[in-house]
Protein backbone atom coordinates (compact mmCIF):
# COMPACT_ATOMS: atom_id res chain seq x y z
CA MET A 1 77.09 58.21 56.51
CA GLN A 2 78.37 57.97 60.08
CA ARG A 3 80.43 61.11 59.53
CA TYR A 4 77.30 62.93 58.31
CA TRP A 5 75.46 62.16 61.58
CA LEU A 6 78.46 63.22 63.63
CA TYR A 7 78.52 66.60 61.87
CA LEU A 8 74.77 66.95 62.21
CA VAL A 9 74.90 66.27 65.97
CA LEU A 10 77.85 68.63 66.37
CA PHE A 11 76.05 71.37 64.41
CA ALA A 12 72.86 70.93 66.43
CA SER A 13 74.87 71.11 69.66
CA LEU A 14 76.58 74.32 68.58
CA LEU A 15 73.23 75.84 67.66
CA GLY A 16 71.88 74.90 71.08
CA LEU A 17 74.85 76.50 72.84
CA ALA A 18 74.54 79.64 70.75
CA ALA A 19 70.84 79.91 71.56
CA CYS A 20 71.51 79.51 75.28
CA SER A 21 74.25 82.11 75.36
CA ALA A 22 72.21 84.60 73.33
CA GLN A 23 69.47 84.70 75.95
CA PRO A 24 70.26 87.22 78.68
CA THR A 25 69.99 85.88 82.19
CA GLN A 26 67.39 87.50 84.38
CA PRO A 27 67.89 88.27 88.06
CA ALA A 28 66.00 86.12 90.54
CA PRO A 29 64.80 86.79 94.08
CA PRO A 30 67.59 86.15 96.58
CA LYS A 31 67.73 83.55 99.31
CA ILE A 32 67.64 85.44 102.62
CA HIS A 33 69.08 83.79 105.71
CA TYR A 34 66.67 85.08 108.35
CA GLY A 35 68.30 85.96 111.64
CA GLU A 36 71.69 86.31 109.89
CA ASP A 37 71.54 88.57 106.82
CA THR A 38 71.38 92.32 107.28
CA CYS A 39 69.35 95.02 105.56
CA SER A 40 71.18 96.88 102.79
CA ASP A 41 69.62 100.15 103.95
CA CYS A 42 69.57 100.20 107.75
CA GLY A 43 71.94 97.36 108.66
CA MET A 44 69.45 95.58 110.93
CA ILE A 45 69.20 91.79 110.90
CA ILE A 46 66.36 90.55 108.68
CA ASN A 47 63.98 88.45 110.78
CA ASP A 48 60.46 88.68 109.33
CA ALA A 49 59.81 87.31 105.83
CA ARG A 50 56.43 89.09 105.64
CA PHE A 51 58.17 92.44 105.21
CA ALA A 52 61.45 91.43 103.54
CA ALA A 53 62.15 92.89 100.11
CA ALA A 54 64.91 92.92 97.52
CA TYR A 55 65.94 94.41 94.23
CA ALA A 56 68.67 93.73 91.70
CA VAL A 57 70.65 96.22 89.66
CA GLN A 58 72.47 95.64 86.40
CA GLN A 59 76.24 95.35 86.86
CA GLY A 60 77.08 94.34 83.30
CA GLN A 61 75.88 91.93 80.63
CA GLY A 62 73.97 89.29 82.57
CA ALA A 63 75.53 90.32 85.89
CA TYR A 64 73.51 91.73 88.78
CA GLN A 65 73.98 92.99 92.31
CA THR A 66 71.13 92.28 94.70
CA PHE A 67 70.19 94.38 97.72
CA ILE A 68 68.08 92.86 100.51
CA PHE A 69 65.89 94.67 103.06
CA ASP A 70 64.09 94.02 106.33
CA ASP A 71 61.25 96.40 105.42
CA ILE A 72 59.61 97.32 102.10
CA GLY A 73 60.01 100.97 103.07
CA ASP A 74 63.76 100.48 103.41
CA MET A 75 63.90 99.17 99.84
CA LEU A 76 61.96 102.21 98.61
CA HIS A 77 64.26 104.51 100.60
CA HIS A 78 67.38 102.80 99.21
CA MET A 79 66.04 103.19 95.67
CA GLN A 80 65.41 106.92 96.25
CA GLN A 81 68.93 107.39 97.58
CA ASN A 82 70.52 105.51 94.65
CA LEU A 83 68.75 106.87 91.58
CA THR A 84 71.78 106.22 89.36
CA LEU A 85 71.40 102.44 89.78
CA THR A 86 69.55 100.65 86.98
CA GLY A 87 66.98 98.35 88.55
CA ALA A 88 66.49 94.99 86.86
CA GLY A 89 64.11 93.21 89.25
CA TRP A 90 62.13 94.03 92.40
CA TRP A 91 60.62 91.55 94.85
CA VAL A 92 58.54 91.61 97.99
CA HIS A 93 57.02 88.83 100.05
CA ASP A 94 53.31 88.21 100.02
CA TYR A 95 52.20 89.11 103.56
CA SER A 96 50.04 85.99 103.85
CA SER A 97 52.09 83.26 102.15
CA GLU A 98 55.57 84.78 102.66
CA GLU A 99 56.41 83.76 99.06
CA TRP A 100 58.45 86.06 96.82
CA ILE A 101 56.33 88.02 94.34
CA ASP A 102 57.23 90.53 91.65
CA ALA A 103 56.94 93.93 93.36
CA THR A 104 55.87 95.60 90.12
CA ARG A 105 52.74 93.40 90.12
CA ALA A 106 52.05 93.44 93.86
CA TYR A 107 49.38 95.32 95.79
CA PHE A 108 50.59 97.28 98.80
CA VAL A 109 48.70 98.22 101.93
CA VAL A 110 50.01 101.27 103.75
CA SER A 111 48.83 101.96 107.30
CA ASP A 112 50.33 103.12 110.60
CA GLN A 113 48.53 100.10 112.10
CA ILE A 114 50.87 97.68 110.27
CA LYS A 115 53.90 97.15 112.50
CA THR A 116 56.91 96.59 110.26
CA PRO A 117 60.57 96.26 111.30
CA MET A 118 61.39 99.90 110.51
CA ASN A 119 57.88 101.32 111.01
CA HIS A 120 57.21 102.08 107.36
CA GLY A 121 53.80 100.40 107.72
CA THR A 122 53.74 98.70 104.32
CA ALA A 123 52.68 95.13 103.52
CA ALA A 124 52.53 93.50 100.07
CA PHE A 125 50.07 91.05 98.55
CA ALA A 126 49.86 88.99 95.39
CA THR A 127 46.14 89.75 94.98
CA GLN A 128 44.13 92.92 95.22
CA GLU A 129 41.43 91.10 97.19
CA SER A 130 43.86 90.10 99.96
CA ALA A 131 45.26 93.62 100.08
CA ALA A 132 41.76 95.11 100.29
CA GLN A 133 40.88 92.80 103.18
CA LEU A 134 43.86 93.92 105.28
CA ALA A 135 43.34 97.55 104.28
CA GLY A 136 39.78 97.31 105.62
CA GLU A 137 41.00 95.79 108.88
CA VAL A 138 43.71 98.42 109.52
CA GLY A 139 42.18 101.49 107.89
CA GLY A 140 44.86 101.52 105.21
CA GLN A 141 44.94 102.20 101.52
CA VAL A 142 45.78 99.82 98.67
CA LEU A 143 48.43 101.06 96.26
CA ASP A 144 50.11 99.59 93.19
CA TRP A 145 53.89 99.65 92.61
CA ASP A 146 53.98 103.10 91.01
CA LYS A 147 51.76 104.67 93.66
CA VAL A 148 53.59 103.14 96.63
CA ARG A 149 56.88 104.54 95.32
CA ILE A 150 55.34 107.99 94.88
CA GLU A 151 53.62 107.85 98.28
CA HIS A 152 56.89 106.88 99.94
CA ALA A 153 58.78 109.71 98.22
CA VAL A 154 56.12 112.31 99.02
CA ALA A 155 55.87 111.24 102.66
CA GLY A 156 59.64 111.55 102.93
CA HIS A 157 59.96 108.40 105.01
CA GLN A 158 63.20 108.29 106.92
CA HIS A 159 64.52 106.06 109.68
């Protein structure tokens, strides 16, 4: 009987390991060391969390390379310049809380009145209401992820 339980525990353990290894790992937002880490696009030191951004690209099964940026516009520029990379996760900081949020679900305010590290004038928000409030204050427009990428490409933002 004791042998039966040993096999049962061993079998359950193997099933657990198989289930864990079958699940692909997902990329996570990076830890940025403000005042030390540099932007993957322009090379400037990243100092302001409100405008920092990042995205990860697939490097193999469960392996990712993450790029970090001092300005949301730099991330969009880097993506345009590297269209052969397969994006696996995109993050921006909420302008108000400075917490990482999924860029594909964020609301972006674009305005020349928003002073960002590289003058792209883009801030991100977790909620549409917060974005609308800043947009009203700075005469900006609120865009979703798809529209901010198109707007950036059309405007031809460069450094």
